[in-house]
Protein backbone atom coordinates (compact mmCIF):
# COMPACT_ATOMS: atom_id res chain seq x y z
CA UNK A 1 23.32 -33.64 -21.38
CA UNK A 2 21.06 -33.07 -19.01
CA UNK A 3 23.03 -30.33 -16.69
CA UNK A 4 22.90 -28.78 -19.78
CA UNK A 5 18.75 -28.30 -20.09
CA UNK A 6 19.15 -27.48 -16.46
CA UNK A 7 21.24 -24.79 -17.53
CA UNK A 8 19.25 -23.53 -20.47
CA UNK A 9 15.92 -23.39 -19.00
CA UNK A 10 16.77 -20.50 -16.82
CA UNK A 11 18.12 -18.44 -20.20
CA UNK A 12 15.02 -18.59 -21.75
CA UNK A 13 13.00 -17.25 -19.23
CA UNK A 14 15.51 -14.41 -19.31
CA UNK A 15 15.08 -14.16 -22.89
CA UNK A 16 11.36 -14.24 -22.81
CA UNK A 17 11.93 -11.05 -19.93
CA UNK A 18 13.97 -9.66 -22.62
CA UNK A 19 11.50 -9.71 -25.50
CA UNK A 20 8.85 -8.45 -23.55
CA UNK A 21 10.59 -5.37 -22.02
CA UNK A 22 12.13 -5.14 -25.98
CA UNK A 23 10.50 -1.72 -26.42
CA UNK A 24 10.84 -0.49 -23.12
CA UNK A 25 14.90 -1.16 -23.73
CA UNK A 26 14.86 0.52 -27.33
CA UNK A 27 13.53 3.85 -25.71
CA UNK A 28 16.10 3.57 -23.06
CA UNK A 29 19.12 3.02 -24.98
CA UNK A 30 17.53 5.73 -27.82
CA UNK A 31 16.88 8.29 -25.41
CA UNK A 32 18.92 7.86 -21.94
CA UNK A 33 14.82 8.62 -20.33
CA UNK A 34 14.13 6.37 -17.69
CA UNK A 35 11.72 6.16 -14.80
CA UNK A 36 14.31 6.82 -11.70
CA UNK A 37 12.71 10.11 -11.17
CA UNK A 38 8.94 8.21 -10.57
CA UNK A 39 10.73 5.89 -8.90
CA UNK A 40 12.99 8.20 -6.53
CA UNK A 41 8.81 10.09 -5.84
CA UNK A 42 8.03 6.84 -5.09
CA UNK A 43 10.50 5.67 -2.71
CA UNK A 44 9.75 9.60 -0.84
CA UNK A 45 6.23 8.90 -0.77
CA UNK A 46 7.08 5.36 1.55
CA UNK A 47 9.20 6.95 3.74
CA UNK A 48 6.91 9.55 4.16
CA UNK A 49 4.40 6.51 4.71
CA UNK A 50 6.87 4.67 7.30
CA UNK A 51 7.47 7.78 9.36
CA UNK A 52 3.84 8.30 9.84
CA UNK A 53 2.71 4.84 10.34
CA UNK A 54 -0.71 5.47 10.32
CA UNK A 55 -3.30 8.00 8.88
CA UNK A 56 -6.80 8.69 10.27
CA UNK A 57 -8.09 9.26 6.64
CA UNK A 58 -6.27 9.34 3.33
CA UNK A 59 -6.59 13.27 2.96
CA UNK A 60 -4.10 13.92 6.01
CA UNK A 61 -1.74 11.45 4.16
CA UNK A 62 -1.91 13.25 0.88
CA UNK A 63 -1.88 16.10 2.51
CA UNK A 64 1.48 14.92 4.30
CA UNK A 65 2.61 13.61 0.83
CA UNK A 66 2.02 16.96 -0.95
CA UNK A 67 4.23 18.93 2.24
CA UNK A 68 6.83 16.54 1.70
CA UNK A 69 7.35 15.92 -1.81
CA UNK A 70 6.14 19.01 -2.97
CA UNK A 71 9.31 21.22 -2.04
CA UNK A 72 6.95 23.32 0.49
CA UNK A 73 7.93 24.97 3.32
CA UNK A 74 6.49 25.63 6.99
CA UNK A 75 7.69 29.66 6.53
CA UNK A 76 5.33 31.74 4.48
CA UNK A 77 6.48 33.14 1.10
CA UNK A 78 9.75 31.29 0.62
CA UNK A 79 10.37 27.73 -1.41
CA UNK A 80 11.83 24.53 -0.01
CA UNK A 81 15.31 24.47 -0.98
CA UNK A 82 14.50 20.86 -2.32
CA UNK A 83 13.21 21.85 -4.58
CA UNK A 84 16.39 23.79 -6.28
């Protein structure tokens, strides 16, 4: 009987987690909208952060994020191919 109780505890945690996020689960199921775009953007920002290792100030980091994630081009008057 102890073995059964040991298996019930993890399931109770899963139940609590599902109930806590039930509204979000319902929205995804009914609309198909997810936060995948935000997660992708966050991954790109983290990559920029790893590439530079350190910035002298927050403004430099912010400009670098805008450049890499904003679809900017180094050539004046052209847009980046990543914006298409």
